[in-house]
Amino acid sequence: MNAIIPTANNPIATPVTPGAGVGASSLSASPTFSPLYQQIKALITQSLQSGEWKPGELIPSEMELASRFKVSQGTVRKAIDELSAENLVVRRQGKGTFVATHHEARSQFRFLRLAPDEGVPHYPENRIIEVKRMRAPAEVARLLDIKSGDSVVFIRRVQSFSGVPTILDDLWLPGSIFKGLTAERLNEYKGPMYGLFETEFGTHMIRASEQIRAVCADAAIAGLLNVDAGTPLLNVERVSFTYGDKPVELRRGLYLTMNHHYRNELS
């Protein structure tokens, strides 16, 4: 069976017979072998990244994709299995495969890991404290893979559960992507923040990397969370990535855990 090699001029696929001139291609400078289903996965991801299929939309069937890429249906199924495991697409029994969206409840709780000690998880209420454009400090720029001094949007908010302030979030977003993001727009939007980023700024969060440490609340933070200075908090620093492993958000959250715990699943 022919391999499928993407090219700069043809982001979909170009059938190439194994060994037929591949060695001369700049794409094969590395001897690393990529299984066929991984190549198909990369091509489907390119279509997601380019916006060919929007969040929430049905993607073509496995049979249609197999015909498009000139591979077997089993190869396509294996590629989609991995995309589903990575939460890029969602399979719905009897309906097909859809592009994942942050507007689904299951997606919202992928990135909100704080769960109540009692009762079922629910989304918190947001109170926007501050939104401003600023020059990126060196450390923020490094984590967002931009230049020091580039424009970023800074957001500070408090998230409450049943009226109790529980999370203080500081966020930095690349200004070149989030043009027009204001406090008014954030306050008007009633869904999850990542849903707003997806719908209005074309930025879908794919994965995140976190570092967690224990800290104590200083006087300013204690005032925002209505606790005593010195109260223990979880400090969660997260960098979120979109397609192409591009960092698009730095978030530093302080979590009050008197009635909540940080929840994760390892597999």
Protein backbone atom coordinates (compact mmCIF):
# COMPACT_ATOMS: atom_id res chain seq x y z
CA MET A 1 0.00 0.00 0.00
CA ASN A 2 1.22 3.49 -0.75
CA ALA A 3 2.34 5.75 2.07
CA ILE A 4 0.72 9.18 2.49
CA ILE A 5 3.19 12.05 2.74
CA PRO A 6 1.93 15.63 3.30
CA THR A 7 3.63 18.38 1.34
CA ALA A 8 3.84 22.15 1.74
CA ASN A 9 1.68 22.69 -1.34
CA ASN A 10 -0.73 19.88 -0.62
CA PRO A 11 -1.69 19.73 3.08
CA ILE A 12 -4.13 16.89 2.43
CA ALA A 13 -2.03 14.07 1.02
CA THR A 14 0.24 12.99 -1.80
CA PRO A 15 0.49 9.23 -2.39
CA VAL A 16 4.13 8.20 -2.56
CA THR A 17 5.33 4.71 -3.30
CA PRO A 18 7.74 3.62 -0.56
CA GLY A 19 11.30 4.09 -1.73
CA ALA A 20 10.31 6.07 -4.83
CA GLY A 21 12.28 9.26 -4.42
CA VAL A 22 11.42 9.69 -0.76
CA GLY A 23 15.10 9.81 0.18
CA ALA A 24 15.55 12.92 -1.93
CA SER A 25 12.70 14.74 -0.20
CA SER A 26 13.46 17.37 2.42
CA LEU A 27 10.61 15.85 4.41
CA SER A 28 12.58 12.65 4.88
CA ALA A 29 15.86 14.15 6.02
CA SER A 30 15.26 12.34 9.30
CA PRO A 31 15.36 8.54 9.19
CA THR A 32 12.54 8.35 11.78
CA PHE A 33 9.78 6.02 10.60
CA SER A 34 6.17 7.13 11.04
CA PRO A 35 3.49 4.41 10.92
CA LEU A 36 0.82 4.97 8.28
CA TYR A 37 -1.97 5.58 10.80
CA GLN A 38 0.19 8.27 12.46
CA GLN A 39 0.54 9.99 9.09
CA ILE A 40 -3.24 9.89 8.66
CA LYS A 41 -3.68 11.22 12.19
CA ALA A 42 -1.35 14.13 11.33
CA LEU A 43 -3.34 14.90 8.18
CA ILE A 44 -6.66 14.88 10.03
CA THR A 45 -5.12 17.14 12.68
CA GLN A 46 -4.01 19.53 9.92
CA SER A 47 -7.61 19.72 8.71
CA LEU A 48 -8.78 20.44 12.26
CA GLN A 49 -6.12 23.13 12.66
CA SER A 50 -7.00 24.78 9.35
CA GLY A 51 -10.67 24.96 10.33
CA GLU A 52 -11.92 22.62 7.60
CA TRP A 53 -14.11 21.07 10.32
CA LYS A 54 -15.19 23.45 13.07
CA PRO A 55 -15.59 22.56 16.77
CA GLY A 56 -18.82 20.63 17.25
CA GLU A 57 -19.09 19.67 13.56
CA LEU A 58 -19.35 16.14 12.18
CA ILE A 59 -16.20 15.02 10.37
CA PRO A 60 -16.34 12.68 7.34
CA SER A 61 -16.94 8.99 8.00
CA GLU A 62 -14.10 6.52 8.26
CA MET A 63 -15.02 5.20 4.82
CA GLU A 64 -14.93 8.71 3.30
CA LEU A 65 -11.58 9.48 4.94
CA ALA A 66 -10.16 6.14 3.79
CA SER A 67 -11.16 7.01 0.22
CA ARG A 68 -9.76 10.52 0.54
CA PHE A 69 -6.37 9.38 1.82
CA LYS A 70 -6.29 6.13 -0.21
CA VAL A 71 -5.73 3.91 2.82
CA SER A 72 -7.74 1.19 4.51
CA GLN A 73 -10.66 1.95 6.79
CA GLY A 74 -8.82 0.18 9.61
CA THR A 75 -5.90 2.62 9.28
CA VAL A 76 -8.30 5.57 9.54
CA ARG A 77 -10.04 3.98 12.54
CA LYS A 78 -6.73 3.61 14.38
CA ALA A 79 -5.89 7.28 13.69
CA ILE A 80 -9.30 8.40 14.97
CA ASP A 81 -8.92 6.17 18.04
CA GLU A 82 -5.84 8.19 19.02
CA LEU A 83 -7.50 11.53 18.25
CA SER A 84 -10.44 10.49 20.42
CA ALA A 85 -8.13 9.42 23.25
CA GLU A 86 -6.50 12.87 23.04
CA ASN A 87 -9.94 14.56 23.18
CA LEU A 88 -9.55 16.16 19.75
CA VAL A 89 -12.64 14.38 18.45
CA VAL A 90 -15.64 12.75 20.11
CA ARG A 91 -17.36 9.58 18.92
CA ARG A 92 -21.15 9.45 19.32
CA GLN A 93 -22.81 6.08 18.94
CA GLY A 94 -24.96 5.96 15.82
CA LYS A 95 -24.16 9.56 14.87
CA GLY A 96 -20.51 9.63 13.87
CA THR A 97 -17.35 11.45 14.98
CA PHE A 98 -17.43 15.14 15.89
CA VAL A 99 -14.77 17.76 16.49
CA ALA A 100 -14.40 18.25 20.24
CA THR A 101 -15.67 21.55 21.62
CA HIS A 102 -15.24 23.33 24.94
CA HIS A 103 -18.99 23.92 25.02
CA GLU A 104 -19.52 20.29 26.05
CA ALA A 105 -19.65 19.64 29.79
CA ARG A 106 -17.15 16.76 29.51
CA SER A 107 -14.61 19.12 27.95
CA GLN A 108 -15.13 21.85 30.55
CA PHE A 109 -14.15 19.54 33.38
CA ARG A 110 -11.03 18.32 31.53
CA PHE A 111 -9.38 21.62 32.47
CA LEU A 112 -11.14 22.30 35.77
CA ARG A 113 -9.63 19.76 38.14
CA LEU A 114 -10.97 21.11 41.42
CA ALA A 115 -13.81 18.94 42.70
CA PRO A 116 -16.02 19.31 45.80
CA ASP A 117 -15.43 16.95 48.69
CA GLU A 118 -19.19 16.33 48.70
CA GLY A 119 -21.66 16.44 45.83
CA VAL A 120 -21.10 16.45 42.08
CA PRO A 121 -18.64 18.74 40.25
CA HIS A 122 -20.18 21.93 38.91
CA TYR A 123 -18.86 24.96 37.10
CA PRO A 124 -18.00 27.99 39.27
CA GLU A 125 -19.26 31.55 39.01
CA ASN A 126 -16.74 34.05 37.63
CA ARG A 127 -15.95 37.56 38.85
CA ILE A 128 -13.56 39.48 36.62
CA ILE A 129 -11.22 41.65 38.69
CA GLU A 130 -9.03 43.09 35.96
CA VAL A 131 -8.36 42.87 32.23
CA LYS A 132 -5.54 44.84 30.63
CA ARG A 133 -3.03 44.75 27.79
CA MET A 134 0.59 44.84 28.86
CA ARG A 135 4.13 44.01 27.77
CA ALA A 136 5.07 40.41 28.43
CA PRO A 137 7.58 39.97 31.27
CA ALA A 138 10.51 37.74 30.34
CA GLU A 139 9.21 34.65 32.17
CA VAL A 140 5.71 34.98 30.71
CA ALA A 141 7.19 35.46 27.23
CA ARG A 142 9.36 32.37 27.62
CA LEU A 143 6.43 30.16 28.62
CA LEU A 144 4.22 31.52 25.82
CA ASP A 145 7.07 31.25 23.29
CA ILE A 146 6.86 34.92 22.34
CA LYS A 147 9.36 37.79 22.62
CA SER A 148 9.87 39.63 25.88
CA GLY A 149 7.91 42.87 25.63
CA ASP A 150 5.37 41.50 23.14
CA SER A 151 1.75 42.40 23.84
CA VAL A 152 -0.22 40.09 26.14
CA VAL A 153 -3.70 40.27 27.63
CA PHE A 154 -3.66 39.90 31.42
CA ILE A 155 -6.80 38.68 33.20
CA ARG A 156 -7.39 38.34 36.92
CA ARG A 157 -10.59 36.68 38.11
CA VAL A 158 -12.07 35.01 41.18
CA GLN A 159 -14.08 31.82 40.77
CA SER A 160 -16.64 30.90 43.43
CA PHE A 161 -18.58 27.77 44.23
CA SER A 162 -22.02 28.38 45.76
CA GLY A 163 -20.96 31.95 46.49
CA VAL A 164 -17.69 30.99 48.22
CA PRO A 165 -14.51 32.41 46.58
CA THR A 166 -12.31 29.39 45.90
CA ILE A 167 -9.93 30.10 42.98
CA LEU A 168 -7.90 33.20 42.17
CA ASP A 169 -6.72 33.01 38.55
CA ASP A 170 -4.11 35.15 36.79
CA LEU A 171 -3.97 34.55 33.03
CA TRP A 172 -1.66 35.82 30.29
CA LEU A 173 -2.72 35.42 26.64
CA PRO A 174 -0.81 36.40 23.46
CA GLY A 175 -2.11 39.80 22.39
CA SER A 176 -1.72 38.95 18.70
CA ILE A 177 -4.33 36.19 19.03
CA PHE A 178 -6.73 37.74 21.53
CA LYS A 179 -7.31 41.14 19.96
CA GLY A 180 -10.49 42.77 21.23
CA LEU A 181 -10.75 40.69 24.40
CA THR A 182 -12.11 42.99 27.11
CA ALA A 183 -13.61 42.76 30.59
CA GLU A 184 -16.99 43.66 29.09
CA ARG A 185 -16.82 40.76 26.64
CA LEU A 186 -15.81 38.32 29.37
CA ASN A 187 -18.64 39.49 31.61
CA GLU A 188 -21.18 39.25 28.80
CA TYR A 189 -20.22 35.69 27.94
CA LYS A 190 -22.05 33.16 30.10
CA GLY A 191 -20.30 29.96 29.07
CA PRO A 192 -16.83 28.63 29.91
CA MET A 193 -13.91 30.92 29.11
CA TYR A 194 -12.34 28.32 26.83
CA GLY A 195 -15.63 28.24 24.92
CA LEU A 196 -15.27 31.99 24.29
CA PHE A 197 -11.67 31.53 23.16
CA GLU A 198 -12.80 28.80 20.76
CA THR A 199 -15.85 30.61 19.34
CA GLU A 200 -14.57 34.16 18.99
CA PHE A 201 -10.79 33.81 18.76
CA GLY A 202 -10.46 30.51 16.91
CA THR A 203 -8.28 29.05 19.66
CA HIS A 204 -9.04 25.52 20.85
CA MET A 205 -7.13 24.28 23.89
CA ILE A 206 -5.82 20.79 23.20
CA ARG A 207 -3.68 19.95 26.20
CA ALA A 208 -2.05 21.54 29.23
CA SER A 209 1.07 21.11 31.31
CA GLU A 210 0.85 21.90 35.03
CA GLN A 211 3.12 22.41 38.02
CA ILE A 212 1.60 22.32 41.50
CA ARG A 213 3.04 23.47 44.81
CA ALA A 214 1.74 24.48 48.24
CA VAL A 215 1.85 28.17 49.24
CA CYS A 216 0.38 30.47 51.88
CA ALA A 217 -1.97 33.35 51.10
CA ASP A 218 -0.47 36.81 51.49
CA ALA A 219 -2.63 39.71 52.65
CA ALA A 220 -3.76 40.78 49.15
CA ILE A 221 -4.69 37.26 48.08
CA ALA A 222 -6.38 36.55 51.41
CA GLY A 223 -8.57 39.60 50.88
CA LEU A 224 -9.73 38.40 47.45
CA LEU A 225 -10.48 34.90 48.71
CA ASN A 226 -12.00 36.03 52.03
CA VAL A 227 -9.58 33.98 54.12
CA ASP A 228 -6.93 34.77 56.71
CA ALA A 229 -3.41 35.64 55.63
CA GLY A 230 -1.28 32.51 55.86
CA THR A 231 -4.09 30.17 54.79
CA PRO A 232 -2.62 27.24 52.81
CA LEU A 233 -3.41 27.21 49.09
CA LEU A 234 -2.52 25.12 46.06
CA ASN A 235 -0.57 27.11 43.48
CA VAL A 236 -1.28 25.61 40.04
CA GLU A 237 0.75 26.96 37.11
CA ARG A 238 -0.59 25.81 33.76
CA VAL A 239 0.54 26.33 30.18
CA SER A 240 -2.20 25.42 27.67
CA PHE A 241 -1.48 24.48 24.08
CA THR A 242 -3.47 24.52 20.86
CA TYR A 243 -2.85 22.61 17.63
CA GLY A 244 0.79 22.25 16.65
CA ASP A 245 1.78 22.28 20.33
CA LYS A 246 1.62 26.08 20.31
CA PRO A 247 1.35 27.63 23.82
CA VAL A 248 -1.55 30.10 23.94
CA GLU A 249 -2.26 30.57 27.64
CA LEU A 250 -0.28 30.88 30.86
CA ARG A 251 -2.44 30.54 33.94
CA ARG A 252 -1.41 30.78 37.59
CA GLY A 253 -4.22 29.73 39.88
CA LEU A 254 -4.45 29.75 43.67
CA TYR A 255 -6.88 27.10 44.92
CA LEU A 256 -8.56 27.04 48.30
CA THR A 257 -9.02 23.38 49.29
CA MET A 258 -10.91 23.46 52.58
CA ASN A 259 -14.00 22.02 50.85
CA HIS A 260 -12.47 20.90 47.56
CA HIS A 261 -9.66 18.68 46.32
CA TYR A 262 -7.54 18.59 43.19
CA ARG A 263 -8.66 15.62 41.09
CA ASN A 264 -6.65 13.79 38.43
CA GLU A 265 -6.72 10.44 36.67
CA LEU A 266 -3.58 8.61 35.64
CA SER A 267 -3.57 6.07 32.82
